[in-house]
C-alpha atoms as a PDB file:
ATOM      1  CA  MET A   1      -7.347  -4.648 -24.856  1.00  0.00           C
ATOM      2  CA  LEU A   2      -7.072  -0.997 -25.768  1.00  0.00           C
ATOM      3  CA  ILE A   3      -4.777   0.770 -23.288  1.00  0.00           C
ATOM      4  CA  ALA A   4      -4.351   4.544 -23.179  1.00  0.00           C
ATOM      5  CA  PHE A   5      -1.329   6.112 -21.480  1.00  0.00           C
ATOM      6  CA  PHE A   6      -1.857   9.660 -20.236  1.00  0.00           C
ATOM      7  CA  ILE A   7       1.359  11.730 -20.165  1.00  0.00           C
ATOM      8  CA  ASN A   8       2.356  15.406 -19.862  1.00  0.00           C
ATOM      9  CA  ASP A   9       3.462  15.654 -23.484  1.00  0.00           C
ATOM     10  CA  LEU A  10       5.407  13.676 -26.069  1.00  0.00           C
ATOM     11  CA  GLU A  11       8.383  16.046 -26.038  1.00  0.00           C
ATOM     12  CA  ARG A  12       9.223  15.119 -22.445  1.00  0.00           C
ATOM     13  CA  GLU A  13       9.012  11.360 -23.026  1.00  0.00           C
ATOM     14  CA  HIS A  14      12.133   9.166 -23.259  1.00  0.00           C
ATOM     15  CA  PRO A  15      12.787   5.627 -24.584  1.00  0.00           C
ATOM     16  CA  GLY A  16      13.892   4.498 -21.127  1.00  0.00           C
ATOM     17  CA  TYR A  17      10.891   5.855 -19.214  1.00  0.00           C
ATOM     18  CA  THR A  18       8.633   3.457 -17.330  1.00  0.00           C
ATOM     19  CA  THR A  19       5.706   4.540 -19.503  1.00  0.00           C
ATOM     20  CA  THR A  20       7.589   3.480 -22.645  1.00  0.00           C
ATOM     21  CA  VAL A  21       8.509   0.147 -21.045  1.00  0.00           C
ATOM     22  CA  LEU A  22       4.882  -0.574 -20.123  1.00  0.00           C
ATOM     23  CA  ALA A  23       3.437   0.590 -23.450  1.00  0.00           C
ATOM     24  CA  HIS A  24       5.960  -1.498 -25.391  1.00  0.00           C
ATOM     25  CA  GLN A  25       5.175  -4.564 -23.278  1.00  0.00           C
ATOM     26  CA  ALA A  26       1.472  -4.021 -23.973  1.00  0.00           C
ATOM     27  CA  THR A  27       2.082  -4.146 -27.739  1.00  0.00           C
ATOM     28  CA  GLU A  28       4.257  -7.247 -27.272  1.00  0.00           C
ATOM     29  CA  ARG A  29       1.235  -8.934 -25.704  1.00  0.00           C
ATOM     30  CA  GLY A  30      -0.965  -8.016 -28.658  1.00  0.00           C
ATOM     31  CA  HIS A  31      -2.823  -5.047 -27.172  1.00  0.00           C
ATOM     32  CA  ARG A  32      -3.605  -1.758 -28.904  1.00  0.00           C
ATOM     33  CA  VAL A  33      -1.874   1.249 -27.397  1.00  0.00           C
ATOM     34  CA  CYS A  34      -2.482   4.987 -27.629  1.00  0.00           C
ATOM     35  CA  TYR A  35      -1.114   8.085 -25.901  1.00  0.00           C
ATOM     36  CA  LEU A  36      -3.110  11.010 -24.479  1.00  0.00           C
ATOM     37  CA  THR A  37      -2.021  14.446 -23.259  1.00  0.00           C
ATOM     38  CA  PRO A  38      -3.890  17.126 -21.236  1.00  0.00           C
ATOM     39  CA  SER A  39      -5.255  18.907 -24.322  1.00  0.00           C
ATOM     40  CA  ASP A  40      -6.684  15.806 -26.033  1.00  0.00           C
ATOM     41  CA  PHE A  41     -10.069  15.316 -24.316  1.00  0.00           C
ATOM     42  CA  ALA A  42     -13.437  16.432 -25.664  1.00  0.00           C
ATOM     43  CA  LEU A  43     -16.764  16.099 -23.845  1.00  0.00           C
ATOM     44  CA  GLN A  44     -19.347  16.002 -26.614  1.00  0.00           C
ATOM     45  CA  ARG A  45     -22.849  17.511 -26.689  1.00  0.00           C
ATOM     46  CA  ASP A  46     -24.399  14.054 -26.202  1.00  0.00           C
ATOM     47  CA  ASP A  47     -22.282  13.655 -23.014  1.00  0.00           C
ATOM     48  CA  THR A  48     -19.938  11.109 -24.583  1.00  0.00           C
ATOM     49  CA  LEU A  49     -16.256  11.548 -23.766  1.00  0.00           C
ATOM     50  CA  HIS A  50     -13.885  11.465 -26.719  1.00  0.00           C
ATOM     51  CA  ALA A  51     -10.166  12.035 -27.123  1.00  0.00           C
ATOM     52  CA  HIS A  52      -7.727  12.852 -29.895  1.00  0.00           C
ATOM     53  CA  ALA A  53      -5.360   9.952 -29.284  1.00  0.00           C
ATOM     54  CA  ARG A  54      -2.017   9.096 -30.836  1.00  0.00           C
ATOM     55  CA  PHE A  55      -2.280   5.424 -31.805  1.00  0.00           C
ATOM     56  CA  MET A  56       0.719   3.162 -32.130  1.00  0.00           C
ATOM     57  CA  PRO A  57       0.728   0.843 -35.180  1.00  0.00           C
ATOM     58  CA  LYS A  58      -0.249  -2.622 -33.996  1.00  0.00           C
ATOM     59  CA  ARG A  59       2.821  -4.666 -34.901  1.00  0.00           C
ATOM     60  CA  LYS A  60       5.912  -6.243 -33.397  1.00  0.00           C
ATOM     61  CA  TYR A  61       8.718  -3.892 -32.377  1.00  0.00           C
ATOM     62  CA  GLN A  62      12.330  -4.942 -32.090  1.00  0.00           C
ATOM     63  CA  ASP A  63      12.678  -3.234 -28.710  1.00  0.00           C
ATOM     64  CA  ALA A  64      11.459  -0.286 -26.649  1.00  0.00           C
ATOM     65  CA  LYS A  65      13.769   2.053 -28.560  1.00  0.00           C
ATOM     66  CA  GLU A  66      12.129   1.205 -31.910  1.00  0.00           C
ATOM     67  CA  PHE A  67       8.732   1.516 -30.246  1.00  0.00           C
ATOM     68  CA  PHE A  68       9.634   4.990 -29.007  1.00  0.00           C
ATOM     69  CA  GLU A  69      11.025   6.100 -32.370  1.00  0.00           C
ATOM     70  CA  THR A  70       7.754   5.054 -33.991  1.00  0.00           C
ATOM     71  CA  LEU A  71       5.793   6.980 -31.363  1.00  0.00           C
ATOM     72  CA  LYS A  72       7.719  10.143 -32.195  1.00  0.00           C
ATOM     73  CA  SER A  73       7.443   9.629 -35.963  1.00  0.00           C
ATOM     74  CA  GLY A  74       4.572  10.243 -38.345  1.00  0.00           C
ATOM     75  CA  LYS A  75       3.728   6.533 -38.238  1.00  0.00           C
ATOM     76  CA  ALA A  76       1.828   7.073 -35.003  1.00  0.00           C
ATOM     77  CA  LYS A  77      -1.448   8.631 -36.155  1.00  0.00           C
ATOM     78  CA  VAL A  78      -3.729  10.959 -34.193  1.00  0.00           C
ATOM     79  CA  GLU A  79      -7.251   9.555 -34.377  1.00  0.00           C
ATOM     80  CA  PRO A  80     -10.477  10.279 -32.473  1.00  0.00           C
ATOM     81  CA  VAL A  81     -11.585   7.643 -29.972  1.00  0.00           C
ATOM     82  CA  ASP A  82     -14.635   7.259 -27.770  1.00  0.00           C
ATOM     83  CA  MET A  83     -13.207   6.847 -24.270  1.00  0.00           C
ATOM     84  CA  ALA A  84     -15.847   4.204 -23.552  1.00  0.00           C
ATOM     85  CA  GLU A  85     -13.974   1.958 -26.014  1.00  0.00           C
ATOM     86  CA  ILE A  86     -10.793   2.106 -23.932  1.00  0.00           C
ATOM     87  CA  ASP A  87     -10.286  -0.749 -21.485  1.00  0.00           C
ATOM     88  CA  ILE A  88      -7.600   0.849 -19.306  1.00  0.00           C
ATOM     89  CA  LEU A  89      -6.513   4.453 -18.918  1.00  0.00           C
ATOM     90  CA  MET A  90      -3.177   4.661 -17.142  1.00  0.00           C
ATOM     91  CA  LEU A  91      -2.475   8.095 -15.690  1.00  0.00           C
ATOM     92  CA  ARG A  92       1.295   8.534 -16.001  1.00  0.00           C
ATOM     93  CA  ASN A  93       1.718  12.310 -15.910  1.00  0.00           C
ATOM     94  CA  ASP A  94       3.591  14.405 -13.352  1.00  0.00           C
ATOM     95  CA  PRO A  95       1.258  17.286 -12.338  1.00  0.00           C
ATOM     96  CA  SER A  96       4.112  19.364 -10.901  1.00  0.00           C
ATOM     97  CA  ILE A  97       5.619  19.720 -14.391  1.00  0.00           C
ATOM     98  CA  ASP A  98       2.508  21.641 -15.462  1.00  0.00           C
ATOM     99  CA  ALA A  99       2.498  24.014 -12.478  1.00  0.00           C
ATOM    100  CA  GLU A 100       2.657  27.029 -14.785  1.00  0.00           C
ATOM    101  CA  THR A 101      -0.401  25.811 -16.734  1.00  0.00           C
ATOM    102  CA  PRO A 102      -2.893  24.992 -13.955  1.00  0.00           C
ATOM    103  CA  TRP A 103      -5.542  23.809 -16.441  1.00  0.00           C
ATOM    104  CA  ALA A 104      -3.218  20.953 -17.435  1.00  0.00           C
ATOM    105  CA  MET A 105      -2.218  19.888 -13.921  1.00  0.00           C
ATOM    106  CA  GLU A 106      -5.490  18.152 -13.114  1.00  0.00           C
ATOM    107  CA  ALA A 107      -6.693  17.283 -16.625  1.00  0.00           C
ATOM    108  CA  GLY A 108      -5.851  13.615 -16.151  1.00  0.00           C
ATOM    109  CA  ILE A 109      -7.637  13.494 -12.813  1.00  0.00           C
ATOM    110  CA  LEU A 110     -10.737  15.344 -14.020  1.00  0.00           C
ATOM    111  CA  PHE A 111     -11.193  13.420 -17.249  1.00  0.00           C
ATOM    112  CA  GLY A 112     -10.010  10.223 -15.579  1.00  0.00           C
ATOM    113  CA  ARG A 113     -13.028  10.500 -13.292  1.00  0.00           C
ATOM    114  CA  GLU A 114     -15.276  10.951 -16.320  1.00  0.00           C
ATOM    115  CA  ALA A 115     -13.687   7.950 -18.027  1.00  0.00           C
ATOM    116  CA  ALA A 116     -14.254   5.790 -14.939  1.00  0.00           C
ATOM    117  CA  LYS A 117     -17.953   6.762 -14.990  1.00  0.00           C
ATOM    118  CA  ARG A 118     -18.081   5.354 -18.518  1.00  0.00           C
ATOM    119  CA  GLY A 119     -16.647   1.971 -17.540  1.00  0.00           C
ATOM    120  CA  VAL A 120     -12.954   2.581 -18.169  1.00  0.00           C
ATOM    121  CA  ILE A 121     -10.531   1.146 -15.597  1.00  0.00           C
ATOM    122  CA  VAL A 122      -8.393   4.112 -14.529  1.00  0.00           C
ATOM    123  CA  LEU A 123      -5.021   3.432 -12.888  1.00  0.00           C
ATOM    124  CA  ASN A 124      -4.261   4.823 -10.393  1.00  0.00           C
ATOM    125  CA  ASP A 125      -7.695   5.788  -9.092  1.00  0.00           C
ATOM    126  CA  PRO A 126      -8.289   9.432 -10.133  1.00  0.00           C
ATOM    127  CA  ASP A 127     -10.254  10.423  -7.023  1.00  0.00           C
ATOM    128  CA  SER A 128      -7.342   9.383  -4.805  1.00  0.00           C
ATOM    129  CA  LEU A 129      -4.813  10.977  -7.151  1.00  0.00           C
ATOM    130  CA  GLY A 130      -6.737  14.215  -6.694  1.00  0.00           C
ATOM    131  CA  ARG A 131      -5.955  14.034  -2.974  1.00  0.00           C
ATOM    132  CA  ALA A 132      -2.326  13.114  -3.654  1.00  0.00           C
ATOM    133  CA  ILE A 133      -1.514  15.969  -6.025  1.00  0.00           C
ATOM    134  CA  ASN A 134       0.974  17.399  -3.525  1.00  0.00           C
ATOM    135  CA  LYS A 135       3.245  15.943  -0.855  1.00  0.00           C
ATOM    136  CA  LEU A 136       0.695  16.532   1.901  1.00  0.00           C
ATOM    137  CA  TYR A 137      -0.653  13.097   0.945  1.00  0.00           C
ATOM    138  CA  PHE A 138       2.556  11.690   2.423  1.00  0.00           C
ATOM    139  CA  GLN A 139       1.402  12.762   5.892  1.00  0.00           C
ATOM    140  CA  SER A 140      -1.530  10.344   5.722  1.00  0.00           C
ATOM    141  CA  PHE A 141       0.781   7.366   6.248  1.00  0.00           C
ATOM    142  CA  PRO A 142       1.670   6.024   9.718  1.00  0.00           C
ATOM    143  CA  THR A 143       4.193   8.137  11.655  1.00  0.00           C
ATOM    144  CA  GLU A 144       6.293   5.023  12.239  1.00  0.00           C
ATOM    145  CA  ALA A 145       6.960   4.802   8.523  1.00  0.00           C
ATOM    146  CA  ARG A 146       8.020   8.374   7.799  1.00  0.00           C
ATOM    147  CA  ALA A 147      10.664  10.832   8.914  1.00  0.00           C
ATOM    148  CA  GLU A 148       9.509  13.562  11.307  1.00  0.00           C
ATOM    149  CA  THR A 149       8.129  16.442   9.258  1.00  0.00           C
ATOM    150  CA  VAL A 150       6.896  20.012   9.554  1.00  0.00           C
ATOM    151  CA  ILE A 151       5.028  21.799   6.742  1.00  0.00           C
ATOM    152  CA  THR A 152       4.927  25.577   7.019  1.00  0.00           C
ATOM    153  CA  ARG A 153       5.702  28.925   5.365  1.00  0.00           C
ATOM    154  CA  HIS A 154       6.973  30.530   8.581  1.00  0.00           C
ATOM    155  CA  ALA A 155      10.751  30.766   8.929  1.00  0.00           C
ATOM    156  CA  ASP A 156      10.589  30.605  12.739  1.00  0.00           C
ATOM    157  CA  ASP A 157       8.847  27.213  12.574  1.00  0.00           C
ATOM    158  CA  ILE A 158      11.601  25.842  10.364  1.00  0.00           C
ATOM    159  CA  LYS A 159      14.398  27.289  12.502  1.00  0.00           C
ATOM    160  CA  ALA A 160      12.885  25.750  15.645  1.00  0.00           C
ATOM    161  CA  PHE A 161      12.562  22.400  13.852  1.00  0.00           C
ATOM    162  CA  ALA A 162      16.194  22.612  12.697  1.00  0.00           C
ATOM    163  CA  LYS A 163      17.343  23.373  16.250  1.00  0.00           C
ATOM    164  CA  ASP A 164      15.465  20.329  17.581  1.00  0.00           C
ATOM    165  CA  HIS A 165      17.308  18.168  15.057  1.00  0.00           C
ATOM    166  CA  GLY A 166      20.782  19.470  15.648  1.00  0.00           C
ATOM    167  CA  GLY A 167      20.662  21.662  12.557  1.00  0.00           C
ATOM    168  CA  ASN A 168      20.450  18.658  10.218  1.00  0.00           C
ATOM    169  CA  ILE A 169      17.268  18.802   8.148  1.00  0.00           C
ATOM    170  CA  ILE A 170      16.050  18.553   4.566  1.00  0.00           C
ATOM    171  CA  LEU A 171      14.007  21.364   3.033  1.00  0.00           C
ATOM    172  CA  LYS A 172      11.889  20.982  -0.102  1.00  0.00           C
ATOM    173  CA  PRO A 173       8.745  22.447  -1.670  1.00  0.00           C
ATOM    174  CA  LEU A 174       5.332  20.963  -0.955  1.00  0.00           C
ATOM    175  CA  GLN A 175       4.715  20.968  -4.713  1.00  0.00           C
ATOM    176  CA  GLY A 176       7.310  19.388  -6.971  1.00  0.00           C
ATOM    177  CA  SER A 177       9.048  16.157  -7.898  1.00  0.00           C
ATOM    178  CA  GLY A 178      12.274  14.691  -9.182  1.00  0.00           C
ATOM    179  CA  GLY A 179      14.455  16.296  -6.527  1.00  0.00           C
ATOM    180  CA  SER A 180      13.623  19.832  -7.637  1.00  0.00           C
ATOM    181  CA  GLY A 181      14.270  22.461  -4.964  1.00  0.00           C
ATOM    182  CA  VAL A 182      15.675  20.036  -2.364  1.00  0.00           C
ATOM    183  CA  PHE A 183      18.244  21.394   0.124  1.00  0.00           C
ATOM    184  CA  LYS A 184      20.151  19.791   2.990  1.00  0.00           C
ATOM    185  CA  VAL A 185      20.793  22.093   5.925  1.00  0.00           C
ATOM    186  CA  ASP A 186      23.658  21.372   8.317  1.00  0.00           C
ATOM    187  CA  ALA A 187      26.282  23.241  10.315  1.00  0.00           C
ATOM    188  CA  LYS A 188      28.064  24.306   7.120  1.00  0.00           C
ATOM    189  CA  SER A 189      24.996  25.735   5.438  1.00  0.00           C
ATOM    190  CA  LYS A 190      23.003  27.097   8.396  1.00  0.00           C
ATOM    191  CA  SER A 191      24.156  30.632   7.615  1.00  0.00           C
ATOM    192  CA  ASN A 192      22.215  30.359   4.352  1.00  0.00           C
ATOM    193  CA  LEU A 193      19.035  29.085   6.007  1.00  0.00           C
ATOM    194  CA  ASN A 194      17.131  32.339   5.539  1.00  0.00           C
ATOM    195  CA  GLN A 195      17.952  32.438   1.825  1.00  0.00           C
ATOM    196  CA  ILE A 196      16.980  28.777   1.376  1.00  0.00           C
ATOM    197  CA  ILE A 197      13.655  29.316   3.132  1.00  0.00           C
ATOM    198  CA  GLU A 198      12.997  32.400   1.034  1.00  0.00           C
ATOM    199  CA  ALA A 199      13.872  30.611  -2.224  1.00  0.00           C
ATOM    200  CA  ILE A 200      11.598  27.623  -1.576  1.00  0.00           C
ATOM    201  CA  GLY A 201       8.852  29.732  -0.017  1.00  0.00           C
ATOM    202  CA  ARG A 202       8.376  31.760  -3.188  1.00  0.00           C
ATOM    203  CA  ASP A 203       6.503  28.803  -4.637  1.00  0.00           C
ATOM    204  CA  GLY A 204       4.344  28.002  -1.599  1.00  0.00           C
ATOM    205  CA  TYR A 205       4.597  25.799   1.464  1.00  0.00           C
ATOM    206  CA  ILE A 206       7.878  24.283   2.625  1.00  0.00           C
ATOM    207  CA  ILE A 207       8.486  20.761   3.898  1.00  0.00           C
ATOM    208  CA  ALA A 208      11.075  20.496   6.657  1.00  0.00           C
ATOM    209  CA  GLN A 209      12.082  16.885   7.191  1.00  0.00           C
ATOM    210  CA  ALA A 210      14.419  15.334   9.720  1.00  0.00           C
ATOM    211  CA  TYR A 211      17.629  14.186   8.053  1.00  0.00           C
ATOM    212  CA  VAL A 212      18.011  10.396   8.164  1.00  0.00           C
ATOM    213  CA  PRO A 213      21.738   9.530   8.424  1.00  0.00           C
ATOM    214  CA  ALA A 214      21.252   6.392   6.325  1.00  0.00           C
ATOM    215  CA  ALA A 215      20.638   8.731   3.379  1.00  0.00           C
ATOM    216  CA  LYS A 216      24.430   8.940   2.965  1.00  0.00           C
ATOM    217  CA  LYS A 217      24.204   5.497   1.338  1.00  0.00           C
ATOM    218  CA  GLY A 218      21.422   6.657  -1.006  1.00  0.00           C
ATOM    219  CA  ASP A 219      17.775   5.684  -1.035  1.00  0.00           C
ATOM    220  CA  ILE A 220      15.960   2.578  -2.224  1.00  0.00           C
ATOM    221  CA  ARG A 221      13.275   2.866  -4.896  1.00  0.00           C
ATOM    222  CA  LEU A 222      10.823  -0.021  -4.464  1.00  0.00           C
ATOM    223  CA  PHE A 223       7.798  -0.630  -6.680  1.00  0.00           C
ATOM    224  CA  LEU A 224       4.519  -1.721  -5.130  1.00  0.00           C
ATOM    225  CA  MET A 225       1.706  -3.227  -7.193  1.00  0.00           C
ATOM    226  CA  ASN A 226      -1.760  -3.754  -5.769  1.00  0.00           C
ATOM    227  CA  GLY A 227      -0.295  -2.657  -2.437  1.00  0.00           C
ATOM    228  CA  ARG A 228       2.483  -5.257  -2.289  1.00  0.00           C
ATOM    229  CA  PRO A 229       6.151  -5.235  -3.333  1.00  0.00           C
ATOM    230  CA  LEU A 230       6.443  -6.136  -6.998  1.00  0.00           C
ATOM    231  CA  GLN A 231       8.543  -9.255  -7.451  1.00  0.00           C
ATOM    232  CA  ILE A 232       9.313 -12.153  -9.755  1.00  0.00           C
ATOM    233  CA  ASP A 233      10.576 -15.368  -8.116  1.00  0.00           C
ATOM    234  CA  GLY A 234      11.903 -13.491  -5.092  1.00  0.00           C
ATOM    235  CA  LYS A 235      13.561 -10.739  -7.138  1.00  0.00           C
ATOM    236  CA  TYR A 236      12.103  -7.364  -6.208  1.00  0.00           C
ATOM    237  CA  ALA A 237      11.514  -4.401  -8.507  1.00  0.00           C
ATOM    238  CA  ALA A 238      13.940  -2.219  -6.597  1.00  0.00           C
ATOM    239  CA  LEU A 239      17.257  -0.422  -6.842  1.00  0.00           C
ATOM    240  CA  ARG A 240      19.477   1.757  -4.730  1.00  0.00           C
ATOM    241  CA  ARG A 241      19.866   5.330  -5.969  1.00  0.00           C
ATOM    242  CA  VAL A 242      23.138   6.902  -4.889  1.00  0.00           C
ATOM    243  CA  ALA A 243      23.714  10.637  -5.131  1.00  0.00           C
ATOM    244  CA  SER A 244      26.772  12.039  -6.857  1.00  0.00           C
ATOM    245  CA  ALA A 245      29.572  13.344  -4.631  1.00  0.00           C
ATOM    246  CA  ASP A 246      28.475  16.970  -5.025  1.00  0.00           C
ATOM    247  CA  ASP A 247      24.679  16.551  -4.762  1.00  0.00           C
ATOM    248  CA  ILE A 248      22.341  15.296  -2.028  1.00  0.00           C
ATOM    249  CA  ARG A 249      19.669  14.265  -4.529  1.00  0.00           C
ATOM    250  CA  SER A 250      19.688  10.603  -5.511  1.00  0.00           C
ATOM    251  CA  ASN A 251      17.144  10.949  -8.339  1.00  0.00           C
ATOM    252  CA  ILE A 252      18.629   9.362 -11.461  1.00  0.00           C
ATOM    253  CA  HIS A 253      17.941  12.358 -13.722  1.00  0.00           C
ATOM    254  CA  ALA A 254      19.468  14.621 -11.058  1.00  0.00           C
ATOM    255  CA  GLY A 255      22.834  12.845 -11.368  1.00  0.00           C
ATOM    256  CA  GLY A 256      22.272   9.831  -9.119  1.00  0.00           C
ATOM    257  CA  THR A 257      23.389   6.341 -10.100  1.00  0.00           C
ATOM    258  CA  ALA A 258      21.469   3.071  -9.886  1.00  0.00           C
ATOM    259  CA  GLU A 259      22.782   0.004  -8.108  1.00  0.00           C
ATOM    260  CA  ALA A 260      21.346  -3.434  -7.367  1.00  0.00           C
ATOM    261  CA  VAL A 261      19.965  -3.792  -3.859  1.00  0.00           C
ATOM    262  CA  GLU A 262      18.727  -6.590  -1.611  1.00  0.00           C
ATOM    263  CA  ILE A 263      15.275  -6.089  -0.145  1.00  0.00           C
ATOM    264  CA  GLY A 264      15.135  -7.327   3.429  1.00  0.00           C
ATOM    265  CA  LYS A 265      12.859  -7.359   6.447  1.00  0.00           C
ATOM    266  CA  THR A 266      13.226  -3.620   7.087  1.00  0.00           C
ATOM    267  CA  GLU A 267      12.065  -2.566   3.626  1.00  0.00           C
ATOM    268  CA  LEU A 268       9.260  -5.131   3.584  1.00  0.00           C
ATOM    269  CA  HIS A 269       8.066  -3.933   6.997  1.00  0.00           C
ATOM    270  CA  VAL A 270       7.936  -0.336   5.789  1.00  0.00           C
ATOM    271  CA  ALA A 271       6.017  -1.434   2.683  1.00  0.00           C
ATOM    272  CA  GLU A 272       3.547  -3.351   4.837  1.00  0.00           C
ATOM    273  CA  LEU A 273       2.976  -0.325   7.073  1.00  0.00           C
ATOM    274  CA  ILE A 274       1.757   1.782   4.138  1.00  0.00           C
ATOM    275  CA  ARG A 275      -0.028  -1.020   2.240  1.00  0.00           C
ATOM    276  CA  PRO A 276      -3.508  -0.538   3.815  1.00  0.00           C
ATOM    277  CA  LYS A 277      -3.631   3.119   2.787  1.00  0.00           C
ATOM    278  CA  LEU A 278      -2.499   2.408  -0.784  1.00  0.00           C
ATOM    279  CA  VAL A 279      -5.069  -0.355  -1.185  1.00  0.00           C
ATOM    280  CA  ALA A 280      -7.860   1.753   0.323  1.00  0.00           C
ATOM    281  CA  ASP A 281      -6.998   4.518  -2.155  1.00  0.00           C
ATOM    282  CA  GLY A 282      -6.918   2.290  -5.240  1.00  0.00           C
ATOM    283  CA  MET A 283      -3.214   2.878  -5.911  1.00  0.00           C
ATOM    284  CA  PHE A 284      -2.268   0.174  -8.412  1.00  0.00           C
ATOM    285  CA  LEU A 285       1.357   1.043  -9.215  1.00  0.00           C
ATOM    286  CA  VAL A 286       3.438   3.074  -6.766  1.00  0.00           C
ATOM    287  CA  GLY A 287       7.122   3.832  -6.232  1.00  0.00           C
ATOM    288  CA  ILE A 288       8.312   4.388  -2.676  1.00  0.00           C
ATOM    289  CA  ASP A 289      11.685   5.795  -1.661  1.00  0.00           C
ATOM    290  CA  ILE A 290      13.117   4.225   1.497  1.00  0.00           C
ATOM    291  CA  VAL A 291      16.027   5.389   3.649  1.00  0.00           C
ATOM    292  CA  GLY A 292      16.793   3.163   6.608  1.00  0.00           C
ATOM    293  CA  ASP A 293      13.410   2.274   8.093  1.00  0.00           C
ATOM    294  CA  LYS A 294      11.608   5.377   6.788  1.00  0.00           C
ATOM    295  CA  ILE A 295       9.892   6.341   3.558  1.00  0.00           C
ATOM    296  CA  LEU A 296      10.887   9.736   2.195  1.00  0.00           C
ATOM    297  CA  GLU A 297       8.587   9.814  -0.831  1.00  0.00           C
ATOM    298  CA  VAL A 298       5.545   7.989  -2.178  1.00  0.00           C
ATOM    299  CA  ASN A 299       5.222   8.483  -5.950  1.00  0.00           C
ATOM    300  CA  VAL A 300       1.694   7.575  -7.003  1.00  0.00           C
ATOM    301  CA  PHE A 301       1.684   9.454 -10.317  1.00  0.00           C
ATOM    302  CA  SER A 302       4.623   8.435 -12.479  1.00  0.00           C
ATOM    303  CA  PRO A 303       7.107   6.249 -10.569  1.00  0.00           C
ATOM    304  CA  GLY A 304      10.213   5.743 -12.684  1.00  0.00           C
ATOM    305  CA  ASN A 305      13.185   3.380 -13.022  1.00  0.00           C
ATOM    306  CA  LEU A 306      11.178   0.220 -13.785  1.00  0.00           C
ATOM    307  CA  GLY A 307      13.462  -0.543 -16.729  1.00  0.00           C
ATOM    308  CA  SER A 308      16.567  -0.127 -14.578  1.00  0.00           C
ATOM    309  CA  CYS A 309      15.080  -2.422 -11.933  1.00  0.00           C
ATOM    310  CA  SER A 310      14.491  -5.057 -14.604  1.00  0.00           C
ATOM    311  CA  ARG A 311      18.038  -4.805 -15.967  1.00  0.00           C
ATOM    312  CA  LEU A 312      19.622  -5.048 -12.540  1.00  0.00           C
ATOM    313  CA  ALA A 313      17.464  -8.034 -11.503  1.00  0.00           C
ATOM    314  CA  GLY A 314      17.669  -9.826 -14.872  1.00  0.00           C
ATOM    315  CA  VAL A 315      13.877 -10.134 -15.191  1.00  0.00           C
ATOM    316  CA  ASP A 316      11.149  -8.080 -16.885  1.00  0.00           C
ATOM    317  CA  PHE A 317       8.927  -6.468 -14.259  1.00  0.00           C
ATOM    318  CA  SER A 318       6.628  -5.022 -16.905  1.00  0.00           C
ATOM    319  CA  VAL A 319       5.235  -8.528 -17.499  1.00  0.00           C
ATOM    320  CA  PRO A 320       3.443  -8.985 -14.121  1.00  0.00           C
ATOM    321  CA  ILE A 321       2.155  -5.414 -14.369  1.00  0.00           C
ATOM    322  CA  LEU A 322       0.506  -6.105 -17.738  1.00  0.00           C
ATOM    323  CA  GLU A 323      -0.757  -9.452 -16.471  1.00  0.00           C
ATOM    324  CA  ALA A 324      -2.415  -7.637 -13.553  1.00  0.00           C
ATOM    325  CA  MET A 325      -4.015  -5.142 -15.925  1.00  0.00           C
ATOM    326  CA  GLU A 326      -5.350  -7.972 -18.100  1.00  0.00           C
ATOM    327  CA  ARG A 327      -6.767  -9.637 -15.005  1.00  0.00           C
ATOM    328  CA  LYS A 328      -8.585  -6.453 -13.982  1.00  0.00           C
ATOM    329  CA  VAL A 329     -10.260  -6.215 -17.391  1.00  0.00           C
ATOM    330  CA  GLY A 330     -11.340  -9.835 -17.010  1.00  0.00           C
ATOM    331  CA  ILE A 331     -12.781  -9.195 -13.560  1.00  0.00           C
ATOM    332  CA  ALA A 332     -14.651  -6.115 -14.812  1.00  0.00           C
ATOM    333  CA  SER A 333     -16.167  -8.233 -17.593  1.00  0.00           C
ATOM    334  CA  GLN A 334     -17.175 -11.084 -15.283  1.00  0.00           C
ATOM    335  CA  TYR A 335     -18.572  -8.808 -12.563  1.00  0.00           C
ATOM    336  CA  ALA A 336     -20.242  -6.082 -14.588  1.00  0.00           C
ATOM    337  CA  ASN A 337     -20.724  -2.933 -12.454  1.00  0.00           C
ATOM    338  CA  SER A 338     -19.988  -4.861  -9.238  1.00  0.00           C
ATOM    339  CA  PHE A 339     -16.862  -2.917  -8.275  1.00  0.00           C
ATOM    340  CA  ASP A 340     -16.112   0.777  -8.360  1.00  0.00           C
ATOM    341  CA  ASN A 341     -12.840   1.933  -9.892  1.00  0.00           C
ATOM    342  CA  ARG A 342     -11.063   2.369  -6.569  1.00  0.00           C
ATOM    343  CA  HIS A 343     -11.601  -1.279  -5.618  1.00  0.00           C
ATOM    344  CA  LEU A 344     -11.030  -2.686  -9.095  1.00  0.00           C
ATOM    345  CA  ALA A 345      -7.723  -0.835  -9.348  1.00  0.00           C
ATOM    346  CA  VAL A 346      -6.113  -3.043  -6.693  1.00  0.00           C
ATOM    347  CA  LEU A 347      -7.882  -6.377  -7.283  1.00  0.00           C
END
């Protein structure tokens, strides 16, 4: 197979990122791998879709670190490719990172749609990703599965919501990821509520979310594949992310730490509640953040920490992901033009 990984840019990549883990596993299984960024596409005069792709040398790599060093070196060559020759395009960018360059935010979605028209399997489905480009997508899941939420730009709405919840709420921007711009409001900080609302509101709508007390123990990142919890022999691709003592954010790159976690009936029930929506939307690989019996986030673009999940569980979760991708290519070959991308993405 030829697998293309779409990212924001090479400078922001890291040897421990999930994208690196998946791309390295692909080469280990004998597949060709290339990387694409928002500026690499070219729709030609004959209506063919091409890209200026950075191809990884097809060889064995000692580990993901050597793979990444090769990617960043001159050994990875930029070559033109007809997108119709690519078997799978995996959209692994974070649109919120490109907020200041709007043309780049939706490049993966726009050209992902064009690639799907030309027979490329695009993961996750670009049409659904277009609807999930901000956190409003989160509201499409059952109320039982999510914390009570208000989305507004009016300070009075937020103050009334805070009062109804005893002053304990979480505020964050509708656009954004990685814990950026997240504030916890309580009795100690309520005097700063106006300033917090003003600071977040400069960038658009504000999410006010009921504080879930279980968040004191951190949140659980759980990977779902084809709508179901990703597991190997009963070991789930999951970890507990615990915030540092002086920060409410449990995101690893925001100072949180990763710990092993047992996935039980509560987490599996939450995952089952949101499964129908993920399957209907063609969401192949998703990371959900669970606190207690609620989901706080659904990351459908670039869920991270797969490598950490593998280390903590003692298994390699990238293997079943690549196996699933290989199976999809096989199905597409056996059932030519029988399934649209959204259905094929979760078969």
